[in-house]
């Protein structure tokens, strides 16, 4: 959506395909990080974006074994937007779609799903799509696969995928929110359990992290044990965990961390999760995707103005974005393997690692994770 907006803004005709009739998906990310807010500021969209329902936080906090720890403090960043904006991603996508519709070159087709690619003489010349049961062809000079970790585009393009490994899964559910609930968002970890709670206004969107493949055992232990696991971490939810009345309300998200070795074919390139599926650690996936979109626009716009984008342009986009994507994945895997899995496999009282204790003792150290989570390994800036 961001790339479509950027290209249309530059006068290039774009068709954006969305397979669902709307953007309302609980599984979409909510964290709009400083890097993405900076892009919106450069586009002159920030003030309008901040009119959407949202919460701001300058700090990332956790509670480990009952001990509060501030992991990152974005107020240390010398930028215009030193905070994370929490807004449901469906609001963000609708916002970008509305911004895109201001340009006649922008076309958004809802309920239109890519089912295959159109190949001619070894080049991708468009896509085969299905809308309400009717198939159609959409021809294009280039195709951009931005259809997520289960990308149809990358599958049909036969792009090789390298699995980095993800030893965790996430159980996704919601609980109602009360006026006297804690205001600061945080992760809660103790006795082999980890719960993240995202404020969605009138309810909490909850992510209960588990060892990969462990959901069946949790179900065998019973719903009441699961409710008790939640309240043991977040006692203030005792008066509402009975809202979870069956397992249908608990959705399993199988975490995948992988990347393409090559992001492109003649006439096609993948970006975002289609090119590099991220772990939920740090909530950085949407923000890396937006950075990919900006980098792609910075290469594709002059390429279109000078003639036609080639694989050399696609290779340049990959070279620009592959390093930050892979470095982020390495950092996520390090946290998964060295922090999350040891905690999830332990039933003992959780203790705060000495590195995180330093963050409480020496607040300026919070700049480092704030820089990583907030701006990433390479920030992109709008050129056109």
Protein backbone atom coordinates (compact mmCIF):
# COMPACT_ATOMS: atom_id res chain seq x y z
CA UNK A 1 0.00 0.00 0.00
CA UNK A 2 2.82 2.39 0.84
CA UNK A 3 4.69 1.61 -2.36
CA UNK A 4 1.50 2.03 -4.37
CA UNK A 5 0.95 5.43 -2.80
CA UNK A 6 4.55 6.54 -3.44
CA UNK A 7 4.47 5.47 -7.10
CA UNK A 8 1.07 7.06 -7.77
CA UNK A 9 2.27 10.24 -6.09
CA UNK A 10 5.09 10.29 -8.65
CA UNK A 11 2.64 9.92 -11.54
CA UNK A 12 3.10 6.18 -12.14
CA UNK A 13 -0.04 4.07 -12.65
CA UNK A 14 -0.49 1.46 -9.95
CA UNK A 15 -2.99 -1.30 -9.21
CA UNK A 16 -2.97 -2.57 -5.60
CA UNK A 17 -4.68 -5.92 -4.97
CA UNK A 18 -6.16 -6.91 -1.59
CA UNK A 19 -7.77 -10.34 -1.37
CA UNK A 20 -10.11 -9.49 1.53
CA UNK A 21 -13.17 -7.20 1.37
CA UNK A 22 -11.68 -5.06 4.16
CA UNK A 23 -8.47 -4.67 6.18
CA UNK A 24 -9.88 -5.83 9.50
CA UNK A 25 -7.53 -8.58 10.67
CA UNK A 26 -6.61 -9.20 14.30
CA UNK A 27 -3.27 -10.65 13.23
CA UNK A 28 -1.96 -7.44 11.67
CA UNK A 29 0.69 -5.50 13.60
CA UNK A 30 -0.18 -2.36 15.53
CA UNK A 31 3.19 -0.78 16.24
CA UNK A 32 4.06 2.16 14.00
CA UNK A 33 7.68 2.83 14.92
CA UNK A 34 9.64 6.10 14.66
CA UNK A 35 11.10 5.03 11.30
CA UNK A 36 7.60 4.78 9.80
CA UNK A 37 6.42 7.97 11.50
CA UNK A 38 9.46 9.71 10.01
CA UNK A 39 8.40 8.56 6.53
CA UNK A 40 4.88 9.90 7.12
CA UNK A 41 6.40 13.21 8.23
CA UNK A 42 8.51 13.43 5.07
CA UNK A 43 5.36 12.80 3.01
CA UNK A 44 3.41 15.50 4.85
CA UNK A 45 0.95 12.88 6.17
CA UNK A 46 1.97 12.73 9.83
CA UNK A 47 -0.47 15.28 11.24
CA UNK A 48 -3.41 13.59 9.50
CA UNK A 49 -2.22 10.16 10.63
CA UNK A 50 -2.07 11.30 14.25
CA UNK A 51 -5.77 12.14 14.06
CA UNK A 52 -6.48 8.40 13.87
CA UNK A 53 -7.26 6.60 17.15
CA UNK A 54 -3.87 5.80 18.62
CA UNK A 55 -1.77 5.66 21.76
CA UNK A 56 1.82 6.78 22.10
CA UNK A 57 4.56 5.29 24.18
CA UNK A 58 8.12 6.45 24.56
CA UNK A 59 9.19 3.35 26.47
CA UNK A 60 9.16 -0.41 26.00
CA UNK A 61 8.68 -2.07 29.36
CA UNK A 62 8.63 -5.61 30.64
CA UNK A 63 7.94 -7.28 33.94
CA UNK A 64 10.25 -10.22 34.54
CA UNK A 65 9.63 -12.27 37.64
CA UNK A 66 7.60 -9.38 39.05
CA UNK A 67 10.47 -6.90 38.49
CA UNK A 68 9.72 -3.99 36.12
CA UNK A 69 12.38 -3.31 33.51
CA UNK A 70 12.55 -0.51 30.94
CA UNK A 71 14.11 -2.06 27.86
CA UNK A 72 14.03 0.88 25.44
CA UNK A 73 13.42 4.61 25.79
CA UNK A 74 12.69 6.40 22.51
CA UNK A 75 12.92 9.84 24.11
CA UNK A 76 16.70 9.42 23.79
CA UNK A 77 16.37 9.53 19.98
CA UNK A 78 17.02 12.93 18.44
CA UNK A 79 14.13 12.81 15.94
CA UNK A 80 10.77 14.52 15.48
CA UNK A 81 8.76 11.45 16.52
CA UNK A 82 10.60 9.76 19.41
CA UNK A 83 7.79 7.33 20.23
CA UNK A 84 5.82 4.33 19.01
CA UNK A 85 2.26 4.96 17.84
CA UNK A 86 -0.09 2.08 18.58
CA UNK A 87 -2.95 2.04 16.10
CA UNK A 88 -4.81 -0.93 14.63
CA UNK A 89 -3.24 -1.63 11.27
CA UNK A 90 -6.63 -1.64 9.54
CA UNK A 91 -6.88 2.08 10.40
CA UNK A 92 -3.40 2.64 8.97
CA UNK A 93 -4.17 0.74 5.76
CA UNK A 94 -7.43 2.62 5.26
CA UNK A 95 -5.53 5.85 5.84
CA UNK A 96 -2.93 5.00 3.17
CA UNK A 97 -5.64 3.84 0.77
CA UNK A 98 -7.46 7.15 1.18
CA UNK A 99 -4.23 9.05 0.61
CA UNK A 100 -3.56 7.00 -2.52
CA UNK A 101 -7.03 7.66 -3.95
CA UNK A 102 -6.16 11.36 -4.11
CA UNK A 103 -4.12 10.45 -7.21
CA UNK A 104 -5.81 9.26 -10.42
CA UNK A 105 -2.91 6.86 -11.03
CA UNK A 106 -3.82 4.85 -7.89
CA UNK A 107 -6.29 1.97 -8.17
CA UNK A 108 -7.16 -0.34 -5.27
CA UNK A 109 -9.03 -3.57 -6.02
CA UNK A 110 -10.54 -5.21 -2.93
CA UNK A 111 -11.59 -8.88 -2.82
CA UNK A 112 -9.07 -9.54 -5.58
CA UNK A 113 -6.59 -12.35 -4.95
CA UNK A 114 -3.53 -13.22 -7.01
CA UNK A 115 -3.64 -16.88 -8.04
CA UNK A 116 -0.82 -17.01 -10.57
CA UNK A 117 1.66 -14.98 -12.60
CA UNK A 118 1.55 -14.14 -16.29
CA UNK A 119 4.78 -15.21 -17.98
CA UNK A 120 5.90 -14.28 -21.50
CA UNK A 121 9.33 -15.25 -22.84
CA UNK A 122 10.72 -15.65 -19.32
CA UNK A 123 9.36 -12.33 -18.08
CA UNK A 124 6.54 -11.68 -15.61
CA UNK A 125 4.02 -9.51 -17.44
CA UNK A 126 1.27 -9.34 -14.82
CA UNK A 127 -0.90 -11.59 -12.67
CA UNK A 128 -3.91 -13.85 -12.86
CA UNK A 129 -6.36 -12.79 -10.18
CA UNK A 130 -9.69 -13.97 -8.85
CA UNK A 131 -12.45 -11.68 -7.61
CA UNK A 132 -15.73 -13.10 -6.27
CA UNK A 133 -15.11 -16.32 -8.16
CA UNK A 134 -14.33 -14.62 -11.46
CA UNK A 135 -10.80 -14.90 -12.87
CA UNK A 136 -9.15 -12.03 -14.72
CA UNK A 137 -5.74 -11.02 -16.02
CA UNK A 138 -4.06 -7.82 -14.88
CA UNK A 139 -1.10 -6.92 -17.05
CA UNK A 140 1.67 -4.70 -15.70
CA UNK A 141 5.19 -3.57 -16.54
CA UNK A 142 6.36 -4.90 -13.17
CA UNK A 143 4.78 -6.96 -10.39
CA UNK A 144 5.63 -6.36 -6.74
CA UNK A 145 4.94 -9.23 -4.36
CA UNK A 146 3.97 -7.72 -1.01
CA UNK A 147 1.57 -10.48 0.02
CA UNK A 148 3.19 -11.56 3.26
CA UNK A 149 4.89 -14.59 4.72
CA UNK A 150 2.65 -17.03 2.83
CA UNK A 151 3.19 -15.17 -0.43
CA UNK A 152 1.52 -16.59 -3.52
CA UNK A 153 3.69 -14.33 -5.66
CA UNK A 154 7.00 -15.70 -4.39
CA UNK A 155 5.68 -19.26 -4.64
CA UNK A 156 4.59 -18.82 -8.27
CA UNK A 157 7.88 -17.06 -9.06
CA UNK A 158 9.81 -20.11 -7.79
CA UNK A 159 12.02 -17.92 -5.59
CA UNK A 160 14.16 -20.01 -3.19
CA UNK A 161 13.33 -19.54 0.49
CA UNK A 162 15.83 -20.01 3.31
CA UNK A 163 14.26 -20.87 6.67
CA UNK A 164 16.11 -19.14 9.52
CA UNK A 165 14.16 -20.91 12.29
CA UNK A 166 11.51 -19.87 14.77
CA UNK A 167 11.26 -21.94 17.96
CA UNK A 168 8.15 -20.13 19.21
CA UNK A 169 4.46 -19.86 18.35
CA UNK A 170 1.89 -17.34 19.55
CA UNK A 171 -1.61 -17.84 20.93
CA UNK A 172 -3.71 -14.81 19.99
CA UNK A 173 -6.86 -13.85 21.92
CA UNK A 174 -8.63 -10.85 23.35
CA UNK A 175 -9.85 -9.72 26.76
CA UNK A 176 -12.02 -6.75 27.60
CA UNK A 177 -10.30 -3.62 28.90
CA UNK A 178 -11.37 -1.76 32.04
CA UNK A 179 -10.85 1.89 32.87
CA UNK A 180 -8.59 1.12 35.85
CA UNK A 181 -6.29 -1.27 33.95
CA UNK A 182 -2.57 -0.44 33.75
CA UNK A 183 -1.92 2.26 31.17
CA UNK A 184 1.58 1.30 30.11
CA UNK A 185 1.87 -1.55 27.64
CA UNK A 186 4.29 -4.23 28.67
CA UNK A 187 5.38 -7.84 28.34
CA UNK A 188 4.94 -10.08 31.38
CA UNK A 189 7.25 -13.04 31.93
CA UNK A 190 7.48 -15.55 34.78
CA UNK A 191 7.52 -19.29 35.56
CA UNK A 192 7.95 -20.31 31.94
CA UNK A 193 5.16 -18.08 30.62
CA UNK A 194 5.22 -14.92 28.50
CA UNK A 195 2.26 -12.63 27.78
CA UNK A 196 2.19 -9.46 25.68
CA UNK A 197 -0.87 -7.18 25.89
CA UNK A 198 -1.68 -4.63 23.17
CA UNK A 199 -4.19 -1.87 23.97
CA UNK A 200 -6.92 -1.80 21.30
CA UNK A 201 -9.09 0.83 23.01
CA UNK A 202 -11.95 -1.17 24.54
CA UNK A 203 -10.12 -4.50 24.66
CA UNK A 204 -6.67 -6.05 25.07
CA UNK A 205 -5.24 -7.99 22.16
CA UNK A 206 -3.15 -10.62 23.91
CA UNK A 207 -0.25 -12.69 22.61
CA UNK A 208 0.70 -15.69 24.75
CA UNK A 209 4.03 -17.03 23.52
CA UNK A 210 4.73 -20.75 23.65
CA UNK A 211 7.38 -23.21 22.52
CA UNK A 212 6.71 -24.20 18.91
CA UNK A 213 4.35 -27.14 18.70
CA UNK A 214 3.18 -26.76 22.30
CA UNK A 215 -0.43 -25.76 21.66
CA UNK A 216 -1.84 -29.29 21.68
CA UNK A 217 -0.39 -29.95 25.14
CA UNK A 218 -1.83 -26.66 26.41
CA UNK A 219 -5.26 -27.71 25.13
CA UNK A 220 -4.89 -31.11 26.82
CA UNK A 221 -4.15 -29.35 30.12
CA UNK A 222 -7.52 -27.65 29.86
CA UNK A 223 -8.95 -24.18 29.42
CA UNK A 224 -8.98 -23.47 33.15
CA UNK A 225 -5.20 -24.05 33.36
CA UNK A 226 -4.76 -21.64 30.45
CA UNK A 227 -6.87 -19.00 32.21
CA UNK A 228 -4.80 -19.45 35.37
CA UNK A 229 -1.59 -19.03 33.37
CA UNK A 230 -2.90 -15.68 32.14
CA UNK A 231 -3.94 -14.42 35.58
CA UNK A 232 -0.68 -15.57 37.15
CA UNK A 233 1.07 -13.04 34.89
CA UNK A 234 -1.65 -10.37 34.78
CA UNK A 235 -3.66 -10.60 38.05
CA UNK A 236 -5.83 -7.64 37.03
CA UNK A 237 -7.50 -9.90 34.41
CA UNK A 238 -8.97 -12.29 37.01
CA UNK A 239 -12.41 -10.73 36.65
CA UNK A 240 -12.55 -11.33 32.87
CA UNK A 241 -10.56 -14.42 31.85
CA UNK A 242 -13.85 -16.33 31.90
CA UNK A 243 -14.60 -14.43 28.68
CA UNK A 244 -12.48 -17.17 27.05
CA UNK A 245 -15.16 -19.87 26.95
CA UNK A 246 -13.68 -22.22 24.33
CA UNK A 247 -10.53 -22.82 22.30
CA UNK A 248 -12.11 -21.31 19.20
CA UNK A 249 -11.38 -17.92 20.78
CA UNK A 250 -7.65 -18.74 20.94
CA UNK A 251 -5.94 -18.55 17.54
CA UNK A 252 -2.60 -20.22 16.90
CA UNK A 253 -0.12 -18.11 14.96
CA UNK A 254 2.72 -20.25 13.71
CA UNK A 255 5.80 -18.02 13.72
CA UNK A 256 8.06 -18.17 10.68
CA UNK A 257 11.42 -16.48 10.17
CA UNK A 258 12.74 -16.86 6.64
CA UNK A 259 14.10 -14.90 3.70
CA UNK A 260 14.50 -15.18 -0.03
CA UNK A 261 17.99 -15.71 -1.38
CA UNK A 262 16.97 -13.74 -4.46
CA UNK A 263 14.08 -11.30 -4.25
CA UNK A 264 13.40 -10.94 -7.95
CA UNK A 265 12.74 -12.44 -11.34
CA UNK A 266 12.54 -10.56 -14.67
CA UNK A 267 9.56 -8.24 -14.25
CA UNK A 268 9.00 -9.08 -10.56
CA UNK A 269 10.33 -8.25 -7.11
CA UNK A 270 9.20 -9.15 -3.59
CA UNK A 271 9.36 -6.85 -0.57
CA UNK A 272 8.24 -6.95 3.06
CA UNK A 273 7.34 -10.29 4.62
CA UNK A 274 7.17 -11.83 1.13
CA UNK A 275 10.94 -11.26 0.95
CA UNK A 276 11.79 -11.71 4.64
CA UNK A 277 9.25 -13.03 7.14
CA UNK A 278 10.02 -11.59 10.57
CA UNK A 279 9.50 -12.89 14.10
CA UNK A 280 7.03 -10.91 16.25
CA UNK A 281 9.98 -9.98 18.52
CA UNK A 282 10.10 -6.19 18.63
CA UNK A 283 7.06 -5.71 16.41
CA UNK A 284 9.33 -4.56 13.57
CA UNK A 285 7.77 -6.39 10.60
CA UNK A 286 5.42 -3.66 9.38
CA UNK A 287 8.14 -1.04 9.78
CA UNK A 288 10.72 -3.02 7.78
CA UNK A 289 8.08 -3.44 5.07
CA UNK A 290 7.51 0.32 4.94
CA UNK A 291 11.27 0.90 4.71
CA UNK A 292 11.37 -1.62 1.84
CA UNK A 293 8.60 0.31 0.09
CA UNK A 294 10.45 3.63 0.39
CA UNK A 295 13.69 2.10 -0.87
CA UNK A 296 11.87 0.45 -3.77
CA UNK A 297 10.15 3.73 -4.71
CA UNK A 298 13.47 5.58 -4.61
CA UNK A 299 14.83 3.13 -7.22
CA UNK A 300 11.72 2.50 -9.32
CA UNK A 301 10.54 6.08 -9.79
CA UNK A 302 13.67 7.30 -11.61
CA UNK A 303 13.82 3.96 -13.48
CA UNK A 304 10.30 4.53 -14.85
CA UNK A 305 11.11 8.13 -15.71
CA UNK A 306 14.19 7.06 -17.64
CA UNK A 307 12.53 4.11 -19.37
CA UNK A 308 11.81 0.75 -17.77
CA UNK A 309 12.89 -0.96 -14.51
CA UNK A 310 15.19 -3.91 -15.10
CA UNK A 311 16.55 -6.71 -12.94
CA UNK A 312 19.53 -4.48 -12.22
CA UNK A 313 17.14 -2.09 -10.48
CA UNK A 314 15.55 -4.96 -8.56
CA UNK A 315 18.98 -6.21 -7.52
CA UNK A 316 19.79 -2.72 -6.28
CA UNK A 317 16.65 -2.73 -4.10
CA UNK A 318 17.58 -6.12 -2.67
CA UNK A 319 21.15 -5.02 -1.99
CA UNK A 320 19.85 -1.92 -0.20
CA UNK A 321 17.35 -3.76 2.01
CA UNK A 322 18.82 -7.23 2.46
CA UNK A 323 21.38 -6.18 5.07
CA UNK A 324 18.90 -4.54 7.50
CA UNK A 325 16.42 -7.39 7.04
CA UNK A 326 18.94 -10.13 7.75
CA UNK A 327 20.57 -8.27 10.63
CA UNK A 328 17.16 -7.78 12.21
CA UNK A 329 16.39 -11.48 11.80
CA UNK A 330 19.71 -12.42 13.40
CA UNK A 331 18.94 -10.19 16.35
CA UNK A 332 15.44 -11.66 16.66
CA UNK A 333 16.78 -15.21 16.53
CA UNK A 334 19.37 -14.32 19.18
CA UNK A 335 16.60 -13.07 21.48
CA UNK A 336 14.46 -16.15 20.73
CA UNK A 337 17.26 -18.64 21.35
CA UNK A 338 19.07 -16.98 24.26
CA UNK A 339 16.19 -15.30 26.13
CA UNK A 340 12.72 -16.54 25.19
CA UNK A 341 13.31 -20.28 24.85
CA UNK A 342 15.30 -20.64 28.11
CA UNK A 343 12.51 -18.76 29.92
CA UNK A 344 9.70 -20.72 28.28
CA UNK A 345 11.42 -24.04 29.08
CA UNK A 346 11.91 -23.09 32.73
CA UNK A 347 9.25 -23.35 35.42
CA UNK A 348 11.36 -21.43 37.92
CA UNK A 349 10.82 -17.86 39.03
CA UNK A 350 12.14 -15.64 36.23
CA UNK A 351 15.13 -13.44 37.01
CA UNK A 352 16.18 -10.29 35.21
CA UNK A 353 19.35 -10.81 33.13
CA UNK A 354 22.24 -8.62 34.21
CA UNK A 355 22.22 -6.80 30.86
CA UNK A 356 18.62 -5.67 31.43
CA UNK A 357 19.42 -4.71 35.02
CA UNK A 358 21.97 -2.30 33.56
CA UNK A 359 19.11 -0.57 31.71
CA UNK A 360 17.49 0.21 35.06
CA UNK A 361 20.76 1.36 36.61
CA UNK A 362 22.10 3.32 33.61
CA UNK A 363 19.09 4.80 31.75
CA UNK A 364 21.18 6.14 28.85
CA UNK A 365 21.79 2.51 27.74
CA UNK A 366 18.13 2.36 26.72
CA UNK A 367 19.15 4.37 23.64
CA UNK A 368 20.68 1.30 21.99
CA UNK A 369 17.54 -0.92 21.85
CA UNK A 370 15.48 2.22 21.10
CA UNK A 371 17.70 2.85 18.09
CA UNK A 372 17.35 -0.77 16.95
CA UNK A 373 13.60 -1.11 17.49
CA UNK A 374 12.76 2.45 16.49
CA UNK A 375 14.90 3.13 13.43
CA UNK A 376 16.38 -0.23 12.46
CA UNK A 377 19.76 -0.92 10.93
CA UNK A 378 19.18 1.39 7.94
CA UNK A 379 16.58 4.15 7.72
CA UNK A 380 15.13 5.10 4.35
CA UNK A 381 14.07 8.61 3.36
CA UNK A 382 11.60 9.74 0.71
CA UNK A 383 13.42 11.14 -2.32
CA UNK A 384 10.57 11.67 -4.79
